Protein backbone atom coordinates (compact mmCIF):
# COMPACT_ATOMS: atom_id res chain seq x y z
CA UNK A 1 0.71 31.88 -42.97
CA UNK A 2 2.99 28.77 -41.91
CA UNK A 3 -0.13 26.59 -39.90
CA UNK A 4 0.46 23.13 -38.88
CA UNK A 5 -1.17 21.42 -41.69
CA UNK A 6 -3.30 19.01 -39.05
CA UNK A 7 -5.00 22.03 -38.05
CA UNK A 8 -7.06 22.55 -40.95
CA UNK A 9 -9.74 19.75 -40.58
CA UNK A 10 -9.86 20.04 -36.83
CA UNK A 11 -12.65 22.04 -34.35
CA UNK A 12 -12.33 22.84 -31.40
CA UNK A 13 -13.58 21.48 -28.03
CA UNK A 14 -17.21 21.61 -27.75
CA UNK A 15 -18.49 21.90 -24.28
CA UNK A 16 -22.43 21.68 -23.20
CA UNK A 17 -24.32 24.50 -23.99
CA UNK A 18 -24.48 27.29 -21.23
CA UNK A 19 -27.64 28.03 -18.86
CA UNK A 20 -27.72 31.46 -19.87
CA UNK A 21 -27.56 30.95 -23.58
CA UNK A 22 -30.03 28.24 -23.22
CA UNK A 23 -32.56 30.29 -20.73
CA UNK A 24 -32.54 33.06 -23.68
CA UNK A 25 -33.04 30.54 -26.52
CA UNK A 26 -36.24 29.04 -24.96
CA UNK A 27 -37.41 32.05 -23.09
CA UNK A 28 -36.90 29.80 -19.76
CA UNK A 29 -36.78 31.02 -15.98
CA UNK A 30 -34.73 27.65 -14.82
CA UNK A 31 -32.58 25.46 -16.28
CA UNK A 32 -30.72 22.49 -14.98
CA UNK A 33 -27.25 21.69 -16.64
CA UNK A 34 -26.64 18.08 -16.30
CA UNK A 35 -24.07 18.15 -18.99
CA UNK A 36 -20.72 18.83 -18.14
CA UNK A 37 -20.32 15.99 -14.74
CA UNK A 38 -19.95 19.00 -12.24
CA UNK A 39 -20.81 18.65 -8.32
CA UNK A 40 -24.62 19.52 -7.82
CA UNK A 41 -23.87 20.28 -4.26
CA UNK A 42 -21.05 22.56 -5.02
CA UNK A 43 -17.90 22.83 -2.97
CA UNK A 44 -17.01 22.21 0.74
CA UNK A 45 -18.83 25.04 3.07
CA UNK A 46 -15.20 25.72 4.19
CA UNK A 47 -14.48 27.29 0.67
CA UNK A 48 -17.66 29.02 0.36
CA UNK A 49 -16.86 30.59 3.77
CA UNK A 50 -13.38 31.26 2.88
CA UNK A 51 -13.94 32.83 -0.60
CA UNK A 52 -16.50 35.69 1.11
CA UNK A 53 -13.41 37.15 3.25
CA UNK A 54 -10.84 36.23 0.91
CA UNK A 55 -8.03 39.21 0.77
CA UNK A 56 -5.31 37.74 -1.46
CA UNK A 57 -3.35 40.24 -3.49
CA UNK A 58 -4.34 39.37 -7.11
CA UNK A 59 -2.17 41.89 -8.65
CA UNK A 60 1.14 39.51 -8.04
CA UNK A 61 1.90 36.37 -9.54
CA UNK A 62 1.18 33.15 -8.14
CA UNK A 63 3.36 30.50 -6.33
CA UNK A 64 4.68 29.08 -9.73
CA UNK A 65 5.36 25.96 -7.54
CA UNK A 66 2.10 26.04 -5.67
CA UNK A 67 4.12 25.01 -2.71
CA UNK A 68 1.46 25.23 0.09
CA UNK A 69 -0.89 23.23 -1.96
CA UNK A 70 2.12 20.49 -3.03
CA UNK A 71 2.39 20.37 0.48
CA UNK A 72 -1.27 19.30 1.48
CA UNK A 73 -1.11 17.06 -1.75
CA UNK A 74 2.36 15.17 -0.69
CA UNK A 75 1.05 14.77 2.88
CA UNK A 76 -2.76 13.36 1.93
CA UNK A 77 -1.26 10.99 -0.39
CA UNK A 78 2.03 10.27 1.16
CA UNK A 79 3.94 10.87 -1.58
CA UNK A 80 7.39 13.47 -2.47
CA UNK A 81 6.50 16.55 -3.44
CA UNK A 82 8.79 16.43 -6.48
CA UNK A 83 6.45 13.36 -7.09
CA UNK A 84 3.88 15.88 -7.95
CA UNK A 85 2.42 18.34 -10.74
CA UNK A 86 0.22 20.97 -10.84
CA UNK A 87 -2.03 21.67 -13.77
CA UNK A 88 -4.27 23.90 -14.95
CA UNK A 89 -7.17 21.43 -14.51
CA UNK A 90 -6.67 17.67 -16.16
CA UNK A 91 -6.79 19.17 -19.75
CA UNK A 92 -3.83 21.11 -18.96
CA UNK A 93 -1.87 18.19 -17.86
CA UNK A 94 -2.99 16.01 -21.14
CA UNK A 95 -1.40 18.51 -23.06
CA UNK A 96 1.70 18.89 -21.32
CA UNK A 97 2.42 15.35 -21.60
CA UNK A 98 1.28 15.16 -25.40
CA UNK A 99 3.17 18.18 -25.84
CA UNK A 100 6.36 16.56 -24.37
CA UNK A 101 5.91 12.74 -25.75
CA UNK A 102 3.98 13.18 -29.05
CA UNK A 103 5.34 14.43 -32.61
CA UNK A 104 5.05 13.18 -36.02
CA UNK A 105 6.40 9.40 -36.44
CA UNK A 106 5.31 8.55 -32.90
CA UNK A 107 2.08 6.60 -32.06
CA UNK A 108 -0.48 6.89 -29.30
CA UNK A 109 -2.93 4.37 -28.02
CA UNK A 110 -6.20 4.83 -26.47
CA UNK A 111 -9.86 3.65 -26.27
CA UNK A 112 -12.22 4.63 -29.20
CA UNK A 113 -15.11 6.17 -26.49
CA UNK A 114 -13.06 8.16 -24.31
CA UNK A 115 -11.97 11.39 -23.30
CA UNK A 116 -11.70 13.53 -26.79
CA UNK A 117 -8.42 15.38 -25.50
CA UNK A 118 -6.81 12.77 -25.61
CA UNK A 119 -6.79 12.44 -29.23
CA UNK A 120 -7.52 15.95 -29.90
CA UNK A 121 -3.95 16.79 -28.84
CA UNK A 122 -2.09 14.31 -30.42
CA UNK A 123 -3.35 14.98 -33.83
CA UNK A 124 -2.37 18.81 -32.73
CA UNK A 125 0.81 17.45 -32.36
CA UNK A 126 1.47 15.45 -35.61
CA UNK A 127 1.27 11.64 -33.63
CA UNK A 128 -0.69 8.92 -35.14
CA UNK A 129 -3.69 8.09 -33.09
CA UNK A 130 -4.76 4.50 -32.36
CA UNK A 131 -8.29 4.18 -31.03
CA UNK A 132 -9.26 0.39 -29.87
CA UNK A 133 -12.74 -0.55 -29.92
CA UNK A 134 -14.23 -0.78 -25.78
CA UNK A 135 -15.62 -4.02 -24.85
CA UNK A 136 -19.41 -3.25 -23.22
CA UNK A 137 -18.36 0.29 -22.37
CA UNK A 138 -14.98 -1.00 -20.90
CA UNK A 139 -11.26 -0.63 -21.89
CA UNK A 140 -10.25 -3.82 -24.25
CA UNK A 141 -6.47 -3.83 -22.39
CA UNK A 142 -5.68 -6.68 -24.16
CA UNK A 143 -6.45 -5.21 -27.55
CA UNK A 144 -4.62 -2.00 -26.29
CA UNK A 145 -1.46 -4.25 -25.77
CA UNK A 146 -1.95 -5.49 -28.90
CA UNK A 147 -2.19 -1.67 -31.10
CA UNK A 148 1.42 -1.09 -29.21
CA UNK A 149 4.48 -1.18 -31.47
CA UNK A 150 7.74 0.06 -31.33
CA UNK A 151 6.76 3.56 -32.49
CA UNK A 152 3.91 3.97 -29.49
CA UNK A 153 5.01 6.62 -27.04
CA UNK A 154 1.98 7.20 -24.96
CA UNK A 155 -1.31 5.00 -23.84
CA UNK A 156 -4.09 6.56 -22.18
CA UNK A 157 -6.70 4.84 -19.85
CA UNK A 158 -9.35 6.91 -18.51
CA UNK A 159 -10.47 5.06 -15.25
CA UNK A 160 -13.32 5.32 -14.53
CA UNK A 161 -13.88 6.15 -17.90
CA UNK A 162 -15.63 9.22 -20.03
CA UNK A 163 -18.27 8.84 -21.11
CA UNK A 164 -19.24 5.23 -19.99
CA UNK A 165 -18.60 5.62 -16.34
CA UNK A 166 -16.62 2.15 -16.58
CA UNK A 167 -14.22 1.02 -14.33
CA UNK A 168 -11.28 -1.58 -15.36
CA UNK A 169 -10.83 -4.07 -12.59
CA UNK A 170 -7.58 -4.30 -10.39
CA UNK A 171 -6.59 -7.70 -12.06
CA UNK A 172 -6.90 -6.44 -15.50
CA UNK A 173 -4.82 -3.21 -15.10
CA UNK A 174 -2.22 -5.01 -13.03
CA UNK A 175 -2.00 -7.37 -15.93
CA UNK A 176 -2.01 -4.65 -18.61
CA UNK A 177 0.94 -2.49 -16.63
CA UNK A 178 3.07 -5.60 -16.27
CA UNK A 179 3.07 -5.99 -19.97
CA UNK A 180 3.28 -2.61 -21.54
CA UNK A 181 6.84 -2.06 -22.71
CA UNK A 182 9.10 0.13 -20.53
CA UNK A 183 9.20 2.64 -22.99
CA UNK A 184 5.72 3.40 -23.56
CA UNK A 185 4.07 5.72 -21.03
CA UNK A 186 1.05 5.16 -19.17
CA UNK A 187 -1.64 7.68 -18.16
CA UNK A 188 -4.07 6.62 -15.81
CA UNK A 189 -6.75 9.25 -15.74
CA UNK A 190 -8.70 9.13 -12.68
CA UNK A 191 -10.63 12.01 -12.67
CA UNK A 192 -14.11 10.55 -11.27
CA UNK A 193 -11.72 8.32 -8.66
CA UNK A 194 -13.65 9.85 -5.60
CA UNK A 195 -16.95 8.45 -6.84
CA UNK A 196 -15.85 5.00 -7.22
CA UNK A 197 -17.57 2.42 -5.16
CA UNK A 198 -17.25 -0.86 -6.41
CA UNK A 199 -16.16 -2.95 -3.26
CA UNK A 200 -13.41 -4.83 -5.21
CA UNK A 201 -12.02 -1.47 -6.07
CA UNK A 202 -8.30 -1.44 -5.10
CA UNK A 203 -6.39 2.37 -4.77
CA UNK A 204 -3.92 2.82 -7.90
CA UNK A 205 -1.77 5.00 -5.65
CA UNK A 206 1.06 2.32 -5.26
CA UNK A 207 1.39 1.52 -8.87
CA UNK A 208 3.45 4.60 -9.47
CA UNK A 209 5.94 3.29 -7.08
CA UNK A 210 6.16 0.14 -9.23
CA UNK A 211 6.38 1.79 -12.94
CA UNK A 212 8.72 5.06 -13.85
CA UNK A 213 6.47 5.04 -17.14
CA UNK A 214 3.24 5.94 -15.43
CA UNK A 215 1.31 8.99 -14.31
CA UNK A 216 -1.79 9.31 -12.33
CA UNK A 217 -4.30 11.93 -13.46
CA UNK A 218 -6.44 13.58 -10.84
CA UNK A 219 -8.30 16.65 -10.32
CA UNK A 220 -10.02 19.18 -8.22
CA UNK A 221 -12.87 20.10 -10.71
CA UNK A 222 -15.41 16.84 -10.02
CA UNK A 223 -15.93 15.57 -6.78
CA UNK A 224 -14.71 18.44 -5.19
CA UNK A 225 -16.98 21.21 -7.09
CA UNK A 226 -13.95 23.48 -7.94
CA UNK A 227 -14.34 23.33 -11.73
CA UNK A 228 -14.25 26.92 -12.49
CA UNK A 229 -10.70 27.43 -10.61
CA UNK A 230 -9.10 24.66 -13.18
CA UNK A 231 -6.93 22.91 -10.38
CA UNK A 232 -5.54 19.22 -11.51
CA UNK A 233 -2.62 17.26 -10.83
CA UNK A 234 -0.19 14.49 -11.63
CA UNK A 235 1.32 11.79 -9.21
CA UNK A 236 4.64 10.03 -10.77
CA UNK A 237 8.15 9.10 -10.18
CA UNK A 238 10.16 12.21 -9.42
CA UNK A 239 12.21 11.47 -13.01
CA UNK A 240 8.89 11.68 -14.99
CA UNK A 241 7.82 14.94 -13.14
CA UNK A 242 11.13 16.60 -14.20
CA UNK A 243 11.01 15.82 -17.62
CA UNK A 244 7.48 17.32 -17.79
CA UNK A 245 7.54 19.90 -15.41
CA UNK A 246 9.35 22.24 -18.27
CA UNK A 247 6.96 22.22 -20.54
CA UNK A 248 4.22 23.49 -17.87
CA UNK A 249 3.50 27.26 -18.09
CA UNK A 250 5.21 29.15 -15.01
CA UNK A 251 2.17 30.32 -13.66
CA UNK A 252 -0.72 28.05 -14.48
CA UNK A 253 -2.57 27.83 -11.25
CA UNK A 254 -3.91 31.49 -9.99
CA UNK A 255 -3.62 32.15 -6.46
CA UNK A 256 -7.16 31.83 -5.62
CA UNK A 257 -7.07 28.53 -6.97
CA UNK A 258 -4.26 27.16 -5.13
CA UNK A 259 -5.82 28.35 -1.69
CA UNK A 260 -9.39 27.08 -2.50
CA UNK A 261 -8.04 23.52 -3.42
CA UNK A 262 -6.06 23.53 -0.40
CA UNK A 263 -9.14 23.75 1.81
CA UNK A 264 -11.47 21.72 -0.31
CA UNK A 265 -8.90 18.81 0.17
CA UNK A 266 -8.98 19.33 3.96
CA UNK A 267 -12.67 18.32 3.71
CA UNK A 268 -13.01 15.04 3.16
CA UNK A 269 -16.63 14.68 5.24
CA UNK A 270 -17.90 16.74 2.37
CA UNK A 271 -16.11 14.59 -0.19
CA UNK A 272 -18.04 11.67 1.67
CA UNK A 273 -21.61 13.12 1.59
CA UNK A 274 -20.92 13.64 -1.81
CA UNK A 275 -20.78 10.43 -2.49
CA UNK A 276 -23.14 8.87 -0.96
CA UNK A 277 -25.83 11.63 -2.67
CA UNK A 278 -23.97 10.33 -5.85
CA UNK A 279 -24.63 6.77 -5.53
CA UNK A 280 -28.84 7.20 -4.22
CA UNK A 281 -29.07 9.87 -7.38
CA UNK A 282 -27.38 6.93 -9.78
CA UNK A 283 -29.84 4.64 -8.22
CA UNK A 284 -32.79 6.98 -9.68
CA UNK A 285 -31.19 6.15 -12.83
CA UNK A 286 -30.76 2.25 -13.05
CA UNK A 287 -34.64 2.04 -11.35
CA UNK A 288 -35.87 3.98 -14.63
CA UNK A 289 -33.46 2.39 -17.22
CA UNK A 290 -34.87 -1.42 -15.65
CA UNK A 291 -38.14 -0.15 -15.37
CA UNK A 292 -38.40 0.70 -19.48
CA UNK A 293 -35.94 -1.88 -20.48
CA UNK A 294 -32.81 0.79 -21.35
CA UNK A 295 -29.77 -0.41 -21.50
CA UNK A 296 -27.16 1.22 -19.15
CA UNK A 297 -23.06 1.58 -18.58
CA UNK A 298 -22.43 0.50 -14.98
CA UNK A 299 -21.18 3.77 -13.51
CA UNK A 300 -18.72 4.50 -11.03
CA UNK A 301 -18.68 8.27 -11.59
CA UNK A 302 -21.36 11.04 -11.17
CA UNK A 303 -22.41 10.72 -14.49
CA UNK A 304 -24.65 7.72 -16.51
CA UNK A 305 -24.56 6.97 -19.62
CA UNK A 306 -27.74 5.05 -21.07
CA UNK A 307 -29.93 4.01 -24.14
CA UNK A 308 -32.59 5.97 -24.89
CA UNK A 309 -33.79 3.96 -28.37
CA UNK A 310 -34.37 7.36 -30.33
CA UNK A 311 -32.35 9.76 -32.32
CA UNK A 312 -29.69 11.43 -29.75
CA UNK A 313 -29.87 14.76 -31.06
CA UNK A 314 -33.43 15.28 -31.68
CA UNK A 315 -33.37 13.86 -27.60
CA UNK A 316 -30.95 16.41 -26.81
CA UNK A 317 -32.98 19.34 -28.09
CA UNK A 318 -36.30 18.33 -26.67
CA UNK A 319 -34.92 18.29 -23.67
CA UNK A 320 -33.25 21.45 -23.92
CA UNK A 321 -36.61 23.05 -25.07
CA UNK A 322 -37.52 21.97 -21.19
CA UNK A 323 -34.90 23.26 -19.39
CA UNK A 324 -32.21 20.42 -18.94
CA UNK A 325 -29.09 20.27 -20.59
CA UNK A 326 -27.26 17.06 -21.26
CA UNK A 327 -24.85 15.20 -23.64
CA UNK A 328 -26.04 13.46 -26.64
CA UNK A 329 -24.54 10.28 -27.64
CA UNK A 330 -23.88 11.25 -31.06
CA UNK A 331 -21.61 14.07 -30.22
CA UNK A 332 -19.53 11.47 -27.71
CA UNK A 333 -19.34 8.72 -30.15
CA UNK A 334 -22.54 6.68 -29.39
CA UNK A 335 -25.86 7.36 -30.91
CA UNK A 336 -28.71 6.36 -29.27
CA UNK A 337 -27.38 7.12 -25.92
CA UNK A 338 -27.40 10.25 -23.65
CA UNK A 339 -25.12 11.04 -20.93
CA UNK A 340 -26.27 12.82 -18.04
CA UNK A 341 -24.71 14.06 -14.95
CA UNK A 342 -26.55 12.98 -11.55
CA UNK A 343 -27.59 15.28 -10.01
CA UNK A 344 -29.48 16.49 -6.47
CA UNK A 345 -32.63 13.81 -5.99
CA UNK A 346 -35.22 16.71 -6.77
CA UNK A 347 -33.19 17.36 -10.69
CA UNK A 348 -32.88 13.87 -11.38
CA UNK A 349 -36.94 12.99 -10.57
CA UNK A 350 -37.85 15.74 -12.66
CA UNK A 351 -35.29 15.37 -15.27
CA UNK A 352 -36.39 11.82 -15.50
CA UNK A 353 -39.77 12.72 -15.89
CA UNK A 354 -39.30 15.32 -18.64
CA UNK A 355 -37.41 12.23 -20.25
CA UNK A 356 -40.27 9.84 -20.33
CA UNK A 357 -42.62 12.18 -21.68
CA UNK A 358 -40.01 12.98 -24.59
CA UNK A 359 -39.44 9.32 -24.94
CA UNK A 360 -43.26 8.59 -25.30
CA UNK A 361 -43.72 11.56 -27.66
CA UNK A 362 -40.73 10.02 -30.11
CA UNK A 363 -42.62 6.37 -30.05
CA UNK A 364 -40.08 4.57 -27.75
CA UNK A 365 -42.69 3.97 -24.55
CA UNK A 366 -46.53 3.02 -25.62
């Protein structure tokens, strides 16, 4: 068969191990998943109440335009309805963007320690991928500018960044956007934006008004706790949305996902509560790292990536045996580190106790 040549050396995205698989493999009764940056506090109680009495007719197609959710998002952000595009999670939007703008002969620029789906989708489309080294886990925007040339089509900025959790300053971002050529599309992926607590942070929403080559990506999968419902969205000028929308699948959000996203969006008290609890959990990890002299990236997300001074894969496997699923830094491009989703206070305490035991066994701690 006439497969795309670039597919032959590619591998599918490998998510964190599922809980049931780990239970079965190691004979465990309880497993805590801290690998995929899901919200440990679940979703809004209003969502749970709705799901108990939902009477949607699932035999009919959903509204392909997601009108009700679109209206609520437009009102929430103060944007026009035609300045929004809905996706089956942010991954869907990343695929839509690459399909629309990347092809053989053009290139795309991104950080080297960032979300793998940027280069994965670019490679499928046959575009050249240019990865720019980060500086201490933060996007080096000056170096990314230098990597741009006449054949650059898309630049990706994950902010806060996955997997390091770091935030680009508003000053750096503003200077960067002012210098990017107008024919280069900038994707500002803000999947974790609800978790940002840096007092110097400035909302980025105004940037899409200033630049017609920019899109902001956000999601209901993280802070809103709706990962299984797969709802992401992009905000850009209407002309940009009009170009991307024909690439979108006709019914890429389900009836149920549209409804629960509306309900979740309306409960901002839940988001505020999650942010406070996440901040407290983050302090547990920071205290552990400082106690043991382990380097960690200052996180503005619901996960922390930190040094373990040991083989990431070995530590990952030892923690699996103890009922904790995390992400090995080796799998993310930084061996000797692990990325851990911030859980509840009790989950964090138990995990850090087990990690301390593992690192002691590995000879890291005396």
